[in-house]
């Protein structure tokens, strides 16, 4: 890739890790500029004006262009690589699991991890406390869906790792930090051990 790649990130974020893992698996050099979201560093006028008007990270900077949304950034990096299947149906299946990750998985598992590990239960608002039970049930449902799909197969789509595995791995591997018991999902646990065996794999910080 000819243009320089810079990731605007908080290294504690699984959404940021997805992009770093994708780049690593494909051998792309990726620099990082770090922000502390707990200190509001992505809400400054400078960030909102020049990086992302929504005040969120990650943002992948490609030369002078900026691409927010983690799964879009992963797709940008992986297009034309083995991480995106050649078969049309398999590509659609991969996208299905990427959409599942953003709609059913990340809003529940990642949110509870953030609240439990970084915000602290004593610091949650009443509204956040009221949401915890529903998010835990939804997160468990997501893990159960993943477990059922992985029974009898190594990867989410086809016979090799794709972006579906990359994006789902990021927050599943740290789900226990949000209070989820992964021992209830043996196929997921086996898959979690499989992903780090990929060539050029890097661990989350």
N, C-alpha and C. Protein backbone atom coordinates (compact mmCIF):
# COMPACT_ATOMS: atom_id res chain seq x y z
N UNK A 1 0.86 -1.18 0.00
CA UNK A 1 0.00 0.00 0.00
C UNK A 1 0.89 1.24 0.00
N UNK A 2 0.67 2.10 -0.98
CA UNK A 2 1.59 3.20 -1.19
C UNK A 2 1.44 4.29 -0.14
N UNK A 3 0.21 4.61 0.25
CA UNK A 3 -0.01 5.71 1.18
C UNK A 3 0.27 5.28 2.62
N UNK A 4 0.78 6.21 3.41
CA UNK A 4 1.06 5.94 4.82
C UNK A 4 -0.25 5.72 5.57
N UNK A 5 -0.19 4.80 6.52
CA UNK A 5 -1.37 4.46 7.33
C UNK A 5 -1.14 4.88 8.77
N UNK A 6 -2.07 5.65 9.31
CA UNK A 6 -2.00 6.11 10.70
C UNK A 6 -3.34 5.80 11.37
N UNK A 7 -3.28 5.10 12.50
CA UNK A 7 -4.49 4.77 13.22
C UNK A 7 -4.65 5.69 14.42
N UNK A 8 -5.75 6.41 14.45
CA UNK A 8 -6.11 7.22 15.62
C UNK A 8 -6.88 6.29 16.55
N UNK A 9 -6.34 6.04 17.75
CA UNK A 9 -6.86 4.93 18.55
C UNK A 9 -6.71 5.16 20.05
N UNK A 10 -7.46 4.36 20.80
CA UNK A 10 -7.21 4.10 22.21
C UNK A 10 -6.86 2.61 22.29
N UNK A 11 -5.65 2.25 22.72
CA UNK A 11 -5.23 0.85 22.65
C UNK A 11 -6.07 -0.10 23.51
N UNK A 12 -6.89 0.42 24.40
CA UNK A 12 -7.76 -0.44 25.20
C UNK A 12 -8.99 -0.90 24.42
N UNK A 13 -9.22 -0.31 23.27
CA UNK A 13 -10.42 -0.56 22.50
C UNK A 13 -10.26 -1.76 21.58
N UNK A 14 -11.22 -2.68 21.64
CA UNK A 14 -11.22 -3.80 20.71
C UNK A 14 -11.48 -3.35 19.29
N UNK A 15 -12.27 -2.30 19.11
CA UNK A 15 -12.51 -1.80 17.76
C UNK A 15 -11.22 -1.30 17.12
N UNK A 16 -10.35 -0.70 17.90
CA UNK A 16 -9.05 -0.28 17.39
C UNK A 16 -8.16 -1.48 17.12
N UNK A 17 -8.22 -2.46 18.01
CA UNK A 17 -7.40 -3.66 17.85
C UNK A 17 -7.74 -4.42 16.57
N UNK A 18 -9.01 -4.44 16.18
CA UNK A 18 -9.40 -5.11 14.92
C UNK A 18 -8.54 -4.61 13.75
N UNK A 19 -8.39 -3.31 13.69
CA UNK A 19 -7.68 -2.71 12.56
C UNK A 19 -6.19 -3.05 12.65
N UNK A 20 -5.64 -2.99 13.85
CA UNK A 20 -4.22 -3.33 14.02
C UNK A 20 -3.97 -4.79 13.69
N UNK A 21 -4.89 -5.67 14.08
CA UNK A 21 -4.72 -7.08 13.79
C UNK A 21 -4.84 -7.34 12.29
N UNK A 22 -5.79 -6.71 11.64
CA UNK A 22 -5.92 -6.85 10.18
C UNK A 22 -4.65 -6.41 9.48
N UNK A 23 -4.13 -5.25 9.85
CA UNK A 23 -2.91 -4.75 9.23
C UNK A 23 -1.73 -5.69 9.48
N UNK A 24 -1.64 -6.21 10.69
CA UNK A 24 -0.53 -7.12 11.03
C UNK A 24 -0.61 -8.41 10.22
N UNK A 25 -1.80 -9.00 10.14
CA UNK A 25 -1.95 -10.25 9.40
C UNK A 25 -1.59 -10.08 7.93
N UNK A 26 -1.79 -8.87 7.41
CA UNK A 26 -1.52 -8.61 6.00
C UNK A 26 -0.14 -8.00 5.76
N UNK A 27 0.58 -7.73 6.83
CA UNK A 27 1.94 -7.20 6.70
C UNK A 27 2.01 -5.72 6.36
N UNK A 28 0.95 -4.96 6.67
CA UNK A 28 0.96 -3.53 6.39
C UNK A 28 1.52 -2.76 7.59
N UNK A 29 2.50 -1.88 7.37
CA UNK A 29 2.98 -1.04 8.48
C UNK A 29 1.90 -0.04 8.87
N UNK A 30 1.70 0.09 10.17
CA UNK A 30 0.63 0.93 10.68
C UNK A 30 1.13 1.70 11.89
N UNK A 31 1.18 3.01 11.76
CA UNK A 31 1.54 3.85 12.90
C UNK A 31 0.28 4.15 13.70
N UNK A 32 0.48 4.55 14.95
CA UNK A 32 -0.68 4.81 15.81
C UNK A 32 -0.50 6.13 16.55
N UNK A 33 -1.60 6.86 16.66
CA UNK A 33 -1.66 8.05 17.50
C UNK A 33 -2.73 7.79 18.54
N UNK A 34 -2.35 7.86 19.81
CA UNK A 34 -3.23 7.39 20.86
C UNK A 34 -3.96 8.53 21.57
N UNK A 35 -5.21 8.21 21.93
CA UNK A 35 -6.08 9.12 22.68
C UNK A 35 -6.61 8.38 23.90
N UNK A 36 -6.97 9.13 24.92
CA UNK A 36 -7.61 8.56 26.10
C UNK A 36 -9.07 8.99 26.06
N UNK A 37 -9.96 8.04 25.72
CA UNK A 37 -11.36 8.42 25.58
C UNK A 37 -11.98 8.77 26.93
N UNK A 38 -11.43 8.21 28.02
CA UNK A 38 -11.98 8.52 29.35
C UNK A 38 -11.69 9.97 29.75
N UNK A 39 -10.70 10.57 29.11
CA UNK A 39 -10.37 11.97 29.38
C UNK A 39 -10.99 12.91 28.35
N UNK A 40 -11.81 12.36 27.45
CA UNK A 40 -12.48 13.19 26.47
C UNK A 40 -11.59 13.69 25.36
N UNK A 41 -10.50 13.00 25.10
CA UNK A 41 -9.54 13.50 24.11
C UNK A 41 -10.03 13.38 22.68
N UNK A 42 -11.13 12.65 22.45
CA UNK A 42 -11.71 12.59 21.11
C UNK A 42 -12.90 13.54 20.97
N UNK A 43 -13.09 14.38 21.96
CA UNK A 43 -14.21 15.32 21.93
C UNK A 43 -13.72 16.77 21.84
N UNK A 44 -12.45 16.95 21.62
CA UNK A 44 -11.91 18.31 21.53
C UNK A 44 -12.32 18.94 20.20
N UNK A 45 -12.38 20.26 20.14
CA UNK A 45 -12.72 20.92 18.87
C UNK A 45 -11.77 20.51 17.74
N UNK A 46 -10.50 20.35 18.06
CA UNK A 46 -9.53 19.97 17.02
C UNK A 46 -9.84 18.60 16.45
N UNK A 47 -10.13 17.65 17.34
CA UNK A 47 -10.42 16.29 16.86
C UNK A 47 -11.71 16.29 16.05
N UNK A 48 -12.74 16.95 16.55
CA UNK A 48 -14.03 16.96 15.87
C UNK A 48 -13.94 17.62 14.51
N UNK A 49 -13.10 18.61 14.38
CA UNK A 49 -12.99 19.35 13.12
C UNK A 49 -12.11 18.63 12.11
N UNK A 50 -11.03 17.98 12.57
CA UNK A 50 -10.05 17.47 11.62
C UNK A 50 -10.00 15.96 11.50
N UNK A 51 -10.50 15.22 12.52
CA UNK A 51 -10.37 13.75 12.50
C UNK A 51 -11.72 13.08 12.28
N UNK A 52 -12.69 13.33 13.17
CA UNK A 52 -14.00 12.69 13.06
C UNK A 52 -15.03 13.54 13.77
N UNK A 53 -15.98 14.05 13.03
CA UNK A 53 -17.00 14.94 13.60
C UNK A 53 -17.88 14.24 14.61
N UNK A 54 -17.89 12.90 14.60
CA UNK A 54 -18.69 12.15 15.57
C UNK A 54 -17.95 11.95 16.89
N UNK A 55 -16.68 12.34 16.95
CA UNK A 55 -15.94 12.26 18.20
C UNK A 55 -15.61 10.85 18.63
N UNK A 56 -15.44 9.95 17.68
CA UNK A 56 -15.20 8.55 18.01
C UNK A 56 -13.92 8.05 17.34
N UNK A 57 -13.34 7.05 17.98
CA UNK A 57 -12.26 6.30 17.39
C UNK A 57 -12.67 4.84 17.36
N UNK A 58 -12.02 4.05 16.51
CA UNK A 58 -10.86 4.34 15.68
C UNK A 58 -11.21 5.13 14.42
N UNK A 59 -10.18 5.79 13.93
CA UNK A 59 -10.20 6.40 12.61
C UNK A 59 -8.91 6.01 11.92
N UNK A 60 -9.03 5.42 10.76
CA UNK A 60 -7.85 5.07 9.97
C UNK A 60 -7.56 6.22 9.01
N UNK A 61 -6.37 6.77 9.13
CA UNK A 61 -5.96 7.85 8.24
C UNK A 61 -5.10 7.26 7.13
N UNK A 62 -5.54 7.46 5.90
CA UNK A 62 -4.82 6.97 4.72
C UNK A 62 -4.30 8.18 3.98
N UNK A 63 -3.02 8.48 4.15
CA UNK A 63 -2.51 9.73 3.61
C UNK A 63 -3.20 10.90 4.27
N UNK A 64 -3.94 11.67 3.50
CA UNK A 64 -4.67 12.82 4.04
C UNK A 64 -6.17 12.54 4.19
N UNK A 65 -6.57 11.30 3.95
CA UNK A 65 -8.00 10.94 4.05
C UNK A 65 -8.26 10.19 5.36
N UNK A 66 -9.49 10.33 5.86
CA UNK A 66 -9.84 9.76 7.15
C UNK A 66 -11.03 8.80 6.98
N UNK A 67 -10.89 7.60 7.54
CA UNK A 67 -11.93 6.57 7.44
C UNK A 67 -12.32 6.10 8.84
N UNK A 68 -13.47 6.56 9.36
CA UNK A 68 -13.96 6.04 10.64
C UNK A 68 -14.70 4.72 10.43
N UNK A 69 -15.13 4.14 11.54
CA UNK A 69 -15.84 2.86 11.59
C UNK A 69 -14.85 1.70 11.39
N UNK A 70 -14.69 0.91 12.43
CA UNK A 70 -13.65 -0.11 12.47
C UNK A 70 -13.79 -1.15 11.37
N UNK A 71 -15.00 -1.63 11.12
CA UNK A 71 -15.16 -2.68 10.12
C UNK A 71 -14.93 -2.16 8.71
N UNK A 72 -15.27 -0.90 8.47
CA UNK A 72 -14.97 -0.30 7.17
C UNK A 72 -13.46 -0.19 6.97
N UNK A 73 -12.75 0.17 8.03
CA UNK A 73 -11.29 0.27 7.93
C UNK A 73 -10.66 -1.11 7.70
N UNK A 74 -11.20 -2.14 8.37
CA UNK A 74 -10.70 -3.50 8.14
C UNK A 74 -10.92 -3.92 6.70
N UNK A 75 -12.08 -3.61 6.16
CA UNK A 75 -12.38 -3.95 4.76
C UNK A 75 -11.41 -3.23 3.82
N UNK A 76 -11.17 -1.94 4.06
CA UNK A 76 -10.24 -1.18 3.22
C UNK A 76 -8.88 -1.86 3.17
N UNK A 77 -8.38 -2.26 4.33
CA UNK A 77 -7.06 -2.89 4.38
C UNK A 77 -7.05 -4.25 3.71
N UNK A 78 -8.14 -5.00 3.86
CA UNK A 78 -8.14 -6.41 3.45
C UNK A 78 -8.63 -6.65 2.03
N UNK A 79 -9.19 -5.63 1.39
CA UNK A 79 -9.73 -5.87 0.05
C UNK A 79 -8.65 -6.40 -0.89
N UNK A 80 -8.98 -7.50 -1.58
CA UNK A 80 -8.02 -8.13 -2.48
C UNK A 80 -7.10 -9.12 -1.82
N UNK A 81 -7.29 -9.35 -0.51
CA UNK A 81 -6.44 -10.28 0.23
C UNK A 81 -7.23 -11.55 0.56
N UNK A 82 -6.55 -12.58 1.06
CA UNK A 82 -7.26 -13.81 1.45
C UNK A 82 -8.23 -13.63 2.61
N UNK A 83 -8.16 -12.51 3.32
CA UNK A 83 -9.10 -12.27 4.42
C UNK A 83 -10.51 -11.97 3.92
N UNK A 84 -10.65 -11.71 2.62
CA UNK A 84 -11.97 -11.52 2.02
C UNK A 84 -12.15 -12.62 0.98
N UNK A 85 -13.13 -13.50 1.16
CA UNK A 85 -13.28 -14.63 0.25
C UNK A 85 -13.55 -14.20 -1.20
N UNK A 86 -13.09 -15.00 -2.14
CA UNK A 86 -13.36 -14.74 -3.54
C UNK A 86 -14.79 -15.10 -3.92
N UNK A 87 -15.33 -16.14 -3.32
CA UNK A 87 -16.68 -16.59 -3.64
C UNK A 87 -17.71 -15.56 -3.19
N UNK A 88 -18.66 -15.25 -4.06
CA UNK A 88 -19.64 -14.20 -3.76
C UNK A 88 -20.47 -14.52 -2.53
N UNK A 89 -20.95 -15.75 -2.42
CA UNK A 89 -21.77 -16.12 -1.26
C UNK A 89 -20.95 -16.09 0.03
N UNK A 90 -19.71 -16.55 -0.04
CA UNK A 90 -18.85 -16.52 1.14
C UNK A 90 -18.56 -15.08 1.57
N UNK A 91 -18.40 -14.18 0.60
CA UNK A 91 -18.21 -12.76 0.96
C UNK A 91 -19.43 -12.22 1.68
N UNK A 92 -20.62 -12.59 1.17
CA UNK A 92 -21.84 -12.14 1.83
C UNK A 92 -21.95 -12.72 3.23
N UNK A 93 -21.56 -13.98 3.40
CA UNK A 93 -21.56 -14.60 4.73
C UNK A 93 -20.59 -13.89 5.66
N UNK A 94 -19.44 -13.52 5.14
CA UNK A 94 -18.48 -12.78 5.95
C UNK A 94 -19.09 -11.45 6.41
N UNK A 95 -19.75 -10.75 5.49
CA UNK A 95 -20.39 -9.48 5.84
C UNK A 95 -21.51 -9.71 6.85
N UNK A 96 -22.23 -10.81 6.71
CA UNK A 96 -23.27 -11.13 7.67
C UNK A 96 -22.72 -11.15 9.09
N UNK A 97 -21.57 -11.80 9.27
CA UNK A 97 -20.98 -11.89 10.61
C UNK A 97 -20.36 -10.57 11.05
N UNK A 98 -19.89 -9.78 10.11
CA UNK A 98 -19.39 -8.45 10.46
C UNK A 98 -20.54 -7.55 10.92
N UNK A 99 -21.70 -7.66 10.25
CA UNK A 99 -22.87 -6.89 10.69
C UNK A 99 -23.36 -7.40 12.04
N UNK A 100 -23.36 -8.71 12.21
CA UNK A 100 -23.74 -9.31 13.49
C UNK A 100 -22.86 -8.79 14.62
N UNK A 101 -21.57 -8.68 14.34
CA UNK A 101 -20.63 -8.19 15.35
C UNK A 101 -20.98 -6.78 15.80
N UNK A 102 -21.33 -5.92 14.86
CA UNK A 102 -21.62 -4.53 15.20
C UNK A 102 -23.02 -4.35 15.78
N UNK A 103 -23.95 -5.22 15.41
CA UNK A 103 -25.34 -5.04 15.85
C UNK A 103 -25.67 -5.84 17.10
N UNK A 104 -25.19 -7.07 17.20
CA UNK A 104 -25.60 -7.97 18.29
C UNK A 104 -24.50 -8.25 19.31
N UNK A 105 -23.26 -8.15 18.89
CA UNK A 105 -22.12 -8.57 19.73
C UNK A 105 -21.48 -7.38 20.43
N UNK A 106 -20.92 -6.47 19.67
CA UNK A 106 -20.15 -5.36 20.24
C UNK A 106 -20.96 -4.45 21.16
N UNK A 107 -22.21 -4.09 20.82
CA UNK A 107 -22.96 -3.18 21.71
C UNK A 107 -23.23 -3.76 23.09
N UNK A 108 -23.14 -5.06 23.23
CA UNK A 108 -23.41 -5.71 24.51
C UNK A 108 -22.14 -6.16 25.21
N UNK A 109 -21.33 -6.96 24.54
CA UNK A 109 -20.13 -7.49 25.17
C UNK A 109 -19.10 -6.39 25.39
N UNK A 110 -18.87 -5.57 24.38
CA UNK A 110 -17.88 -4.50 24.54
C UNK A 110 -18.34 -3.45 25.56
N UNK A 111 -19.62 -3.14 25.53
CA UNK A 111 -20.13 -2.12 26.46
C UNK A 111 -20.00 -2.57 27.91
N UNK A 112 -20.37 -3.82 28.21
CA UNK A 112 -20.24 -4.31 29.58
C UNK A 112 -18.77 -4.38 30.00
N UNK A 113 -17.90 -4.76 29.09
CA UNK A 113 -16.46 -4.75 29.42
C UNK A 113 -16.01 -3.34 29.78
N UNK A 114 -16.42 -2.36 28.99
CA UNK A 114 -16.02 -0.98 29.23
C UNK A 114 -16.55 -0.49 30.57
N UNK A 115 -17.80 -0.78 30.84
CA UNK A 115 -18.40 -0.34 32.11
C UNK A 115 -17.73 -1.03 33.30
N UNK A 116 -17.52 -2.33 33.21
CA UNK A 116 -16.98 -3.09 34.34
C UNK A 116 -15.50 -2.79 34.58
N UNK A 117 -14.71 -2.74 33.50
CA UNK A 117 -13.26 -2.65 33.67
C UNK A 117 -12.73 -1.22 33.74
N UNK A 118 -13.33 -0.33 32.98
CA UNK A 118 -12.74 1.01 32.85
C UNK A 118 -13.56 2.10 33.54
N UNK A 119 -14.87 2.03 33.49
CA UNK A 119 -15.69 3.04 34.16
C UNK A 119 -15.85 2.70 35.64
N UNK A 120 -16.13 1.44 35.93
CA UNK A 120 -16.36 1.01 37.31
C UNK A 120 -17.85 1.00 37.63
N UNK A 121 -18.30 -0.10 38.21
CA UNK A 121 -19.73 -0.25 38.47
C UNK A 121 -20.28 0.85 39.37
N UNK A 122 -19.47 1.31 40.30
CA UNK A 122 -19.92 2.36 41.22
C UNK A 122 -20.08 3.71 40.53
N UNK A 123 -19.51 3.84 39.35
CA UNK A 123 -19.56 5.12 38.64
C UNK A 123 -20.61 5.16 37.54
N UNK A 124 -21.35 4.06 37.37
CA UNK A 124 -22.35 4.01 36.32
C UNK A 124 -23.56 4.86 36.68
N UNK A 125 -24.19 5.41 35.66
CA UNK A 125 -25.43 6.16 35.87
C UNK A 125 -26.57 5.18 36.14
N UNK A 126 -27.67 5.70 36.63
CA UNK A 126 -28.84 4.84 36.87
C UNK A 126 -29.32 4.23 35.55
N UNK A 127 -29.28 4.99 34.48
CA UNK A 127 -29.70 4.48 33.18
C UNK A 127 -28.79 3.33 32.72
N UNK A 128 -27.49 3.48 32.93
CA UNK A 128 -26.57 2.40 32.56
C UNK A 128 -26.82 1.15 33.40
N UNK A 129 -27.04 1.33 34.67
CA UNK A 129 -27.32 0.17 35.55
C UNK A 129 -28.59 -0.56 35.08
N UNK A 130 -29.58 0.21 34.66
CA UNK A 130 -30.83 -0.39 34.21
C UNK A 130 -30.64 -1.20 32.93
N UNK A 131 -29.62 -0.87 32.16
CA UNK A 131 -29.37 -1.56 30.89
C UNK A 131 -28.55 -2.83 31.04
N UNK A 132 -27.94 -3.04 32.18
CA UNK A 132 -26.96 -4.11 32.31
C UNK A 132 -27.57 -5.50 32.11
N UNK A 133 -28.70 -5.77 32.69
CA UNK A 133 -29.30 -7.10 32.56
C UNK A 133 -29.63 -7.41 31.11
N UNK A 134 -30.24 -6.47 30.42
CA UNK A 134 -30.60 -6.69 29.02
C UNK A 134 -29.36 -6.88 28.16
N UNK A 135 -28.31 -6.11 28.43
CA UNK A 135 -27.08 -6.25 27.65
C UNK A 135 -26.39 -7.59 27.96
N UNK A 136 -26.46 -8.04 29.19
CA UNK A 136 -25.86 -9.34 29.51
C UNK A 136 -26.59 -10.47 28.80
N UNK A 137 -27.91 -10.42 28.79
CA UNK A 137 -28.69 -11.45 28.10
C UNK A 137 -28.40 -11.42 26.60
N UNK A 138 -28.36 -10.23 26.02
CA UNK A 138 -28.08 -10.10 24.59
C UNK A 138 -26.66 -10.57 24.26
N UNK A 139 -25.71 -10.27 25.14
CA UNK A 139 -24.34 -10.73 24.92
C UNK A 139 -24.23 -12.24 24.99
N UNK A 140 -24.93 -12.84 25.94
CA UNK A 140 -24.95 -14.30 26.05
C UNK A 140 -25.59 -14.93 24.82
N UNK A 141 -26.64 -14.30 24.31
CA UNK A 141 -27.28 -14.80 23.09
C UNK A 141 -26.31 -14.74 21.91
N UNK A 142 -25.54 -13.67 21.83
CA UNK A 142 -24.57 -13.54 20.75
C UNK A 142 -23.50 -14.63 20.84
N UNK A 143 -23.00 -14.87 22.04
CA UNK A 143 -21.98 -15.91 22.22
C UNK A 143 -22.55 -17.29 21.93
N UNK A 144 -23.81 -17.52 22.30
CA UNK A 144 -24.45 -18.80 22.01
C UNK A 144 -24.61 -19.00 20.51
N UNK A 145 -24.98 -17.94 19.80
CA UNK A 145 -25.10 -18.02 18.34
C UNK A 145 -23.76 -18.35 17.71
N UNK A 146 -22.71 -17.69 18.17
CA UNK A 146 -21.37 -17.97 17.66
C UNK A 146 -20.96 -19.41 17.95
N UNK A 147 -21.24 -19.86 19.16
CA UNK A 147 -20.85 -21.21 19.56
C UNK A 147 -21.54 -22.27 18.69
N UNK A 148 -22.82 -22.07 18.45
CA UNK A 148 -23.54 -23.02 17.61
C UNK A 148 -23.01 -23.05 16.19
N UNK A 149 -22.65 -21.89 15.68
CA UNK A 149 -22.12 -21.82 14.32
C UNK A 149 -20.75 -22.48 14.21
N UNK A 150 -19.94 -22.34 15.25
CA UNK A 150 -18.56 -22.85 15.21
C UNK A 150 -18.46 -24.34 15.50
N UNK A 151 -19.51 -24.94 15.98
CA UNK A 151 -19.45 -26.38 16.24
C UNK A 151 -19.22 -27.13 14.94
N UNK A 152 -18.12 -27.86 14.88
CA UNK A 152 -17.80 -28.63 13.69
C UNK A 152 -17.07 -27.86 12.61
N UNK A 153 -16.64 -26.61 12.91
CA UNK A 153 -15.88 -25.87 11.91
C UNK A 153 -14.81 -25.05 12.62
N UNK A 154 -13.76 -24.71 11.88
CA UNK A 154 -12.65 -23.96 12.46
C UNK A 154 -12.85 -22.45 12.39
N UNK A 155 -13.49 -21.98 11.31
CA UNK A 155 -13.60 -20.55 11.06
C UNK A 155 -15.05 -20.19 10.74
N UNK A 156 -15.36 -18.93 10.81
CA UNK A 156 -16.75 -18.52 10.62
C UNK A 156 -17.22 -18.70 9.18
N UNK A 157 -16.33 -18.52 8.22
CA UNK A 157 -16.72 -18.65 6.82
C UNK A 157 -15.67 -19.48 6.09
N UNK A 158 -16.11 -20.54 5.44
CA UNK A 158 -15.20 -21.33 4.64
C UNK A 158 -14.16 -22.06 5.47
N UNK A 159 -13.02 -22.32 4.86
CA UNK A 159 -11.99 -23.15 5.48
C UNK A 159 -10.78 -22.36 5.96
N UNK A 160 -10.87 -21.04 5.95
CA UNK A 160 -9.75 -20.21 6.39
C UNK A 160 -10.27 -18.97 7.10
N UNK A 161 -9.41 -18.32 7.84
CA UNK A 161 -9.79 -17.11 8.56
C UNK A 161 -10.15 -15.99 7.59
N UNK A 162 -11.17 -15.23 7.94
CA UNK A 162 -11.59 -14.06 7.18
C UNK A 162 -11.76 -12.88 8.13
N UNK A 163 -12.19 -11.76 7.59
CA UNK A 163 -12.46 -10.61 8.45
C UNK A 163 -13.53 -10.90 9.48
N UNK A 164 -14.42 -11.85 9.20
CA UNK A 164 -15.42 -12.21 10.20
C UNK A 164 -14.75 -12.68 11.48
N UNK A 165 -13.70 -13.49 11.34
CA UNK A 165 -12.98 -13.98 12.52
C UNK A 165 -12.23 -12.85 13.21
N UNK A 166 -11.62 -11.97 12.43
CA UNK A 166 -10.85 -10.87 13.01
C UNK A 166 -11.74 -9.97 13.86
N UNK A 167 -12.88 -9.55 13.30
CA UNK A 167 -13.68 -8.57 14.03
C UNK A 167 -14.38 -9.19 15.24
N UNK A 168 -14.77 -10.45 15.13
CA UNK A 168 -15.42 -11.09 16.28
C UNK A 168 -14.42 -11.48 17.37
N UNK A 169 -13.20 -11.73 16.99
CA UNK A 169 -12.17 -12.11 17.96
C UNK A 169 -11.88 -10.97 18.93
N UNK A 170 -11.87 -9.74 18.43
CA UNK A 170 -11.38 -8.60 19.21
C UNK A 170 -12.03 -8.50 20.59
N UNK A 171 -13.34 -8.50 20.64
CA UNK A 171 -14.01 -8.34 21.93
C UNK A 171 -14.39 -9.67 22.58
N UNK A 172 -14.48 -10.76 21.79
CA UNK A 172 -14.79 -12.04 22.40
C UNK A 172 -13.66 -12.48 23.32
N UNK A 173 -12.43 -12.25 22.93
CA UNK A 173 -11.29 -12.70 23.73
C UNK A 173 -11.22 -12.02 25.10
N UNK A 174 -11.85 -10.87 25.24
CA UNK A 174 -11.85 -10.14 26.51
C UNK A 174 -13.24 -10.08 27.13
N UNK A 175 -14.14 -10.94 26.67
CA UNK A 175 -15.53 -10.90 27.15
C UNK A 175 -15.62 -11.16 28.65
N UNK A 176 -14.71 -11.95 29.20
CA UNK A 176 -14.77 -12.24 30.63
C UNK A 176 -14.50 -10.99 31.47
N UNK A 177 -13.83 -9.99 30.89
CA UNK A 177 -13.64 -8.73 31.60
C UNK A 177 -14.96 -7.98 31.78
N UNK A 178 -15.97 -8.38 31.02
CA UNK A 178 -17.31 -7.82 31.18
C UNK A 178 -18.24 -8.72 31.94
N UNK A 179 -17.69 -9.81 32.52
CA UNK A 179 -18.49 -10.70 33.34
C UNK A 179 -19.11 -11.87 32.61
N UNK A 180 -18.69 -12.13 31.36
CA UNK A 180 -19.22 -13.26 30.61
C UNK A 180 -18.37 -14.51 30.87
N UNK A 181 -19.02 -15.63 31.09
CA UNK A 181 -18.34 -16.89 31.38
C UNK A 181 -18.16 -17.66 30.07
N UNK A 182 -16.95 -17.64 29.52
CA UNK A 182 -16.71 -18.27 28.22
C UNK A 182 -16.66 -19.79 28.31
N UNK A 183 -16.56 -20.33 29.52
CA UNK A 183 -16.53 -21.79 29.64
C UNK A 183 -17.86 -22.41 29.18
N UNK A 184 -18.89 -21.61 29.08
CA UNK A 184 -20.19 -22.11 28.61
C UNK A 184 -20.23 -22.26 27.10
N UNK A 185 -19.15 -21.84 26.41
CA UNK A 185 -19.14 -21.84 24.95
C UNK A 185 -17.86 -22.52 24.44
N UNK A 186 -17.80 -23.86 24.52
CA UNK A 186 -16.56 -24.57 24.20
C UNK A 186 -16.09 -24.39 22.76
N UNK A 187 -17.01 -24.29 21.81
CA UNK A 187 -16.58 -24.09 20.42
C UNK A 187 -15.96 -22.71 20.24
N UNK A 188 -16.48 -21.72 20.95
CA UNK A 188 -15.89 -20.39 20.93
C UNK A 188 -14.51 -20.42 21.56
N UNK A 189 -14.37 -21.11 22.67
CA UNK A 189 -13.06 -21.20 23.34
C UNK A 189 -12.02 -21.84 22.42
N UNK A 190 -12.41 -22.89 21.70
CA UNK A 190 -11.48 -23.54 20.78
C UNK A 190 -11.07 -22.59 19.66
N UNK A 191 -12.02 -21.83 19.17
CA UNK A 191 -11.75 -20.84 18.12
C UNK A 191 -10.83 -19.72 18.65
N UNK A 192 -11.05 -19.30 19.88
CA UNK A 192 -10.19 -18.27 20.46
C UNK A 192 -8.73 -18.72 20.55
N UNK A 193 -8.51 -20.01 20.70
CA UNK A 193 -7.13 -20.53 20.72
C UNK A 193 -6.56 -20.66 19.31
N UNK A 194 -7.44 -20.75 18.33
CA UNK A 194 -7.02 -20.95 16.95
C UNK A 194 -6.53 -19.65 16.32
N UNK A 195 -7.20 -18.54 16.61
CA UNK A 195 -6.87 -17.26 15.98
C UNK A 195 -5.41 -16.85 16.23
N UNK A 196 -4.89 -16.97 17.46
CA UNK A 196 -3.50 -16.56 17.68
C UNK A 196 -2.45 -17.41 16.96
N UNK A 197 -2.86 -18.50 16.35
CA UNK A 197 -1.90 -19.31 15.58
C UNK A 197 -1.72 -18.79 14.17
N UNK A 198 -2.51 -17.78 13.77
CA UNK A 198 -2.38 -17.24 12.42
C UNK A 198 -1.02 -16.56 12.26
N UNK A 199 -0.39 -16.72 11.10
CA UNK A 199 0.90 -16.05 10.87
C UNK A 199 0.77 -14.53 11.00
N UNK A 200 1.73 -13.93 11.70
CA UNK A 200 1.84 -12.49 11.91
C UNK A 200 0.82 -11.95 12.92
N UNK A 201 0.14 -12.85 13.62
CA UNK A 201 -0.80 -12.43 14.66
C UNK A 201 -0.12 -11.53 15.69
N UNK A 202 -0.84 -10.52 16.15
CA UNK A 202 -0.38 -9.69 17.26
C UNK A 202 -1.46 -9.69 18.33
N UNK A 203 -1.04 -9.63 19.58
CA UNK A 203 -1.98 -9.63 20.70
C UNK A 203 -2.47 -8.22 20.97
N UNK A 204 -3.63 -8.12 21.61
CA UNK A 204 -4.16 -6.83 22.05
C UNK A 204 -3.34 -6.34 23.22
N UNK A 205 -3.09 -5.04 23.26
CA UNK A 205 -2.29 -4.48 24.35
C UNK A 205 -3.07 -4.52 25.65
